[in-house]
């Protein structure tokens, strides 16, 4: 719980009363490696803070080699199928733990109570929405403005630890190339 408090304390001062109420609504979950913890067409009912681990956001396909990975989330970040969470409608994608992942989760209903009773709830909602918007915008800009090789180099520079924990087939999907094309890019570099 101290990790999420330290993260939120960087953004704003949180009263002890608000913090205690918020903390009482959080549930720690440990997700095993490779577990898909939100499946296609399920309604996302939580926003979670990653204490440890790596989560992949992806669109499943009948052929697992054709799955589309469009995002990763890491330690000290919030994760959710946020569009499904906001609308309470079925998700069009899945969330998978790529490593054993520890989450602090709050349900939709509990977050609504936090919004009504505290100042911290609005902060968490705003920060989550801002983070997800910035990630989406950055990804779209990279796909439109950079070559596959430039996207790979940028990803490697920004997150070198990715290559140690994320299979290359997910990285190739994320940067928008086949596994074979990624192999050629890696050879050139």
Protein backbone atom coordinates (compact mmCIF):
# COMPACT_ATOMS: atom_id res chain seq x y z
CA UNK A 1 0.00 0.00 0.00
CA UNK A 2 2.94 2.33 0.57
CA UNK A 3 3.88 2.14 -3.10
CA UNK A 4 0.55 3.53 -4.31
CA UNK A 5 0.58 6.16 -1.56
CA UNK A 6 4.07 7.31 -2.60
CA UNK A 7 2.94 7.43 -6.23
CA UNK A 8 -0.17 9.49 -5.42
CA UNK A 9 1.69 11.73 -2.96
CA UNK A 10 3.84 12.92 -5.89
CA UNK A 11 0.69 14.37 -7.47
CA UNK A 12 -1.12 15.90 -4.50
CA UNK A 13 -1.41 16.01 -0.76
CA UNK A 14 -3.85 13.40 0.51
CA UNK A 15 -5.58 13.77 3.85
CA UNK A 16 -5.33 10.87 6.27
CA UNK A 17 -9.12 10.47 6.30
CA UNK A 18 -9.29 10.28 2.49
CA UNK A 19 -6.34 7.92 2.34
CA UNK A 20 -7.80 5.56 4.95
CA UNK A 21 -11.16 5.46 3.16
CA UNK A 22 -9.50 4.82 -0.21
CA UNK A 23 -7.16 2.20 1.23
CA UNK A 24 -10.11 0.35 2.79
CA UNK A 25 -11.52 -0.16 -0.72
CA UNK A 26 -8.34 -1.59 -2.28
CA UNK A 27 -7.91 -5.33 -2.71
CA UNK A 28 -4.53 -6.94 -3.37
CA UNK A 29 -4.58 -9.54 -6.13
CA UNK A 30 -1.71 -11.73 -7.31
CA UNK A 31 -2.10 -12.75 -10.94
CA UNK A 32 -0.05 -15.77 -12.08
CA UNK A 33 2.30 -15.42 -15.05
CA UNK A 34 0.49 -15.79 -18.41
CA UNK A 35 -2.97 -15.56 -16.79
CA UNK A 36 -5.59 -13.65 -18.80
CA UNK A 37 -7.42 -11.82 -16.02
CA UNK A 38 -9.87 -9.90 -18.19
CA UNK A 39 -11.26 -11.80 -21.14
CA UNK A 40 -12.88 -10.58 -24.34
CA UNK A 41 -16.53 -9.54 -23.81
CA UNK A 42 -16.21 -9.39 -20.01
CA UNK A 43 -17.08 -6.11 -18.32
CA UNK A 44 -14.09 -4.46 -16.64
CA UNK A 45 -15.03 -3.89 -13.03
CA UNK A 46 -11.72 -2.66 -11.59
CA UNK A 47 -8.98 -0.13 -11.95
CA UNK A 48 -5.72 -1.52 -10.63
CA UNK A 49 -2.34 -0.15 -9.60
CA UNK A 50 0.54 -2.46 -10.51
CA UNK A 51 2.78 -3.07 -7.48
CA UNK A 52 4.95 -5.47 -9.47
CA UNK A 53 4.83 -7.20 -12.83
CA UNK A 54 4.00 -6.53 -16.47
CA UNK A 55 0.56 -6.56 -18.11
CA UNK A 56 -0.21 -6.89 -21.82
CA UNK A 57 -3.31 -5.43 -23.50
CA UNK A 58 -4.27 -7.37 -26.63
CA UNK A 59 -6.97 -8.31 -29.10
CA UNK A 60 -7.21 -12.11 -29.28
CA UNK A 61 -7.52 -13.98 -32.57
CA UNK A 62 -8.33 -17.61 -33.39
CA UNK A 63 -4.69 -18.04 -34.41
CA UNK A 64 -2.62 -16.93 -31.36
CA UNK A 65 0.18 -15.84 -33.72
CA UNK A 66 -2.17 -13.19 -35.13
CA UNK A 67 -3.11 -11.59 -31.79
CA UNK A 68 -2.68 -7.81 -31.75
CA UNK A 69 -0.74 -6.46 -28.79
CA UNK A 70 -1.41 -2.75 -28.41
CA UNK A 71 -0.16 -1.91 -24.95
CA UNK A 72 1.92 -2.82 -21.92
CA UNK A 73 1.67 -1.57 -18.34
CA UNK A 74 4.35 -1.81 -15.67
CA UNK A 75 5.12 -1.37 -12.00
CA UNK A 76 3.76 1.90 -10.57
CA UNK A 77 1.19 2.37 -13.34
CA UNK A 78 -2.57 2.02 -13.38
CA UNK A 79 -4.11 -0.68 -15.58
CA UNK A 80 -7.67 -1.25 -16.71
CA UNK A 81 -9.74 -1.88 -19.81
CA UNK A 82 -10.70 1.68 -19.09
CA UNK A 83 -13.28 2.12 -21.84
CA UNK A 84 -15.16 -0.94 -20.57
CA UNK A 85 -14.75 0.28 -16.99
CA UNK A 86 -16.24 3.70 -17.79
CA UNK A 87 -19.15 2.42 -19.87
CA UNK A 88 -19.67 -0.84 -17.96
CA UNK A 89 -19.97 -2.55 -21.35
CA UNK A 90 -18.07 -5.65 -22.56
CA UNK A 91 -14.38 -5.24 -23.32
CA UNK A 92 -13.13 -5.54 -26.90
CA UNK A 93 -9.71 -6.75 -25.68
CA UNK A 94 -8.01 -8.76 -22.97
CA UNK A 95 -5.53 -8.15 -20.15
CA UNK A 96 -2.79 -10.70 -19.47
CA UNK A 97 -0.08 -10.86 -16.82
CA UNK A 98 3.22 -11.52 -18.61
CA UNK A 99 5.00 -12.04 -15.30
CA UNK A 100 3.57 -12.79 -11.89
CA UNK A 101 1.81 -9.51 -11.21
CA UNK A 102 0.61 -7.96 -7.96
CA UNK A 103 -2.26 -5.50 -8.28
CA UNK A 104 -4.09 -3.20 -5.90
CA UNK A 105 -7.61 -3.06 -7.31
CA UNK A 106 -10.70 -0.98 -6.66
CA UNK A 107 -14.10 -1.90 -8.06
CA UNK A 108 -16.31 0.40 -10.09
CA UNK A 109 -18.83 0.66 -7.24
CA UNK A 110 -16.17 1.36 -4.62
CA UNK A 111 -14.55 3.99 -6.82
CA UNK A 112 -17.91 5.74 -7.18
CA UNK A 113 -18.10 5.85 -3.36
CA UNK A 114 -14.53 7.24 -3.21
CA UNK A 115 -15.50 9.92 -5.77
CA UNK A 116 -18.46 10.97 -3.62
CA UNK A 117 -16.71 10.97 -0.24
CA UNK A 118 -13.12 12.08 -0.94
CA UNK A 119 -10.92 14.41 -2.95
CA UNK A 120 -8.49 11.59 -3.82
CA UNK A 121 -11.06 9.77 -5.98
CA UNK A 122 -11.29 12.59 -8.47
CA UNK A 123 -7.49 12.75 -8.56
CA UNK A 124 -7.20 9.03 -9.31
CA UNK A 125 -9.85 9.23 -12.00
CA UNK A 126 -8.19 12.19 -13.66
CA UNK A 127 -4.68 10.68 -13.47
CA UNK A 128 -5.86 7.39 -14.90
CA UNK A 129 -7.71 9.06 -17.76
CA UNK A 130 -4.75 11.35 -18.51
CA UNK A 131 -2.25 8.48 -18.50
CA UNK A 132 -4.36 6.33 -20.78
CA UNK A 133 -4.96 9.23 -23.17
CA UNK A 134 -1.25 10.07 -23.35
CA UNK A 135 -0.29 6.43 -23.97
CA UNK A 136 -2.87 6.13 -26.73
CA UNK A 137 -1.85 9.42 -28.33
CA UNK A 138 1.86 8.57 -28.18
CA UNK A 139 1.27 5.13 -29.70
CA UNK A 140 -0.83 6.56 -32.53
CA UNK A 141 1.79 9.22 -33.28
CA UNK A 142 4.56 6.61 -33.30
CA UNK A 143 2.63 4.35 -35.68
CA UNK A 144 1.98 7.27 -38.04
CA UNK A 145 5.36 9.03 -37.89
CA UNK A 146 8.03 6.39 -37.29
CA UNK A 147 9.26 3.41 -39.27
CA UNK A 148 9.08 -0.03 -37.68
CA UNK A 149 12.82 0.13 -37.00
CA UNK A 150 12.47 3.56 -35.35
CA UNK A 151 9.57 2.28 -33.21
CA UNK A 152 11.67 -0.69 -32.08
CA UNK A 153 14.70 1.48 -31.23
CA UNK A 154 12.51 3.97 -29.35
CA UNK A 155 10.85 1.18 -27.38
CA UNK A 156 14.22 -0.37 -26.58
CA UNK A 157 15.65 2.99 -25.39
CA UNK A 158 12.60 3.87 -23.30
CA UNK A 159 12.09 0.41 -21.80
CA UNK A 160 15.19 -1.80 -22.17
CA UNK A 161 13.79 -4.19 -19.55
CA UNK A 162 11.02 -5.12 -21.98
CA UNK A 163 13.28 -7.39 -23.95
CA UNK A 164 14.03 -9.41 -20.83
CA UNK A 165 10.41 -10.08 -19.84
CA UNK A 166 8.25 -9.73 -22.96
CA UNK A 167 8.33 -12.34 -25.73
CA UNK A 168 9.47 -10.92 -29.07
CA UNK A 169 6.22 -11.98 -30.76
CA UNK A 170 4.35 -9.51 -28.51
CA UNK A 171 6.90 -6.77 -29.16
CA UNK A 172 6.65 -7.32 -32.93
CA UNK A 173 2.85 -7.08 -32.75
CA UNK A 174 3.10 -3.94 -30.60
CA UNK A 175 5.35 -2.14 -33.11
CA UNK A 176 3.18 -3.35 -35.99
CA UNK A 177 5.42 -5.86 -37.78
CA UNK A 178 5.66 -9.61 -38.17
CA UNK A 179 8.03 -11.62 -36.01
CA UNK A 180 10.19 -12.22 -39.10
CA UNK A 181 10.40 -8.48 -39.85
CA UNK A 182 11.40 -7.82 -36.23
CA UNK A 183 14.10 -10.47 -36.52
CA UNK A 184 15.51 -8.67 -39.59
CA UNK A 185 15.40 -5.32 -37.76
CA UNK A 186 17.26 -6.82 -34.82
CA UNK A 187 19.92 -8.28 -37.14
CA UNK A 188 20.49 -4.89 -38.77
CA UNK A 189 20.91 -3.24 -35.38
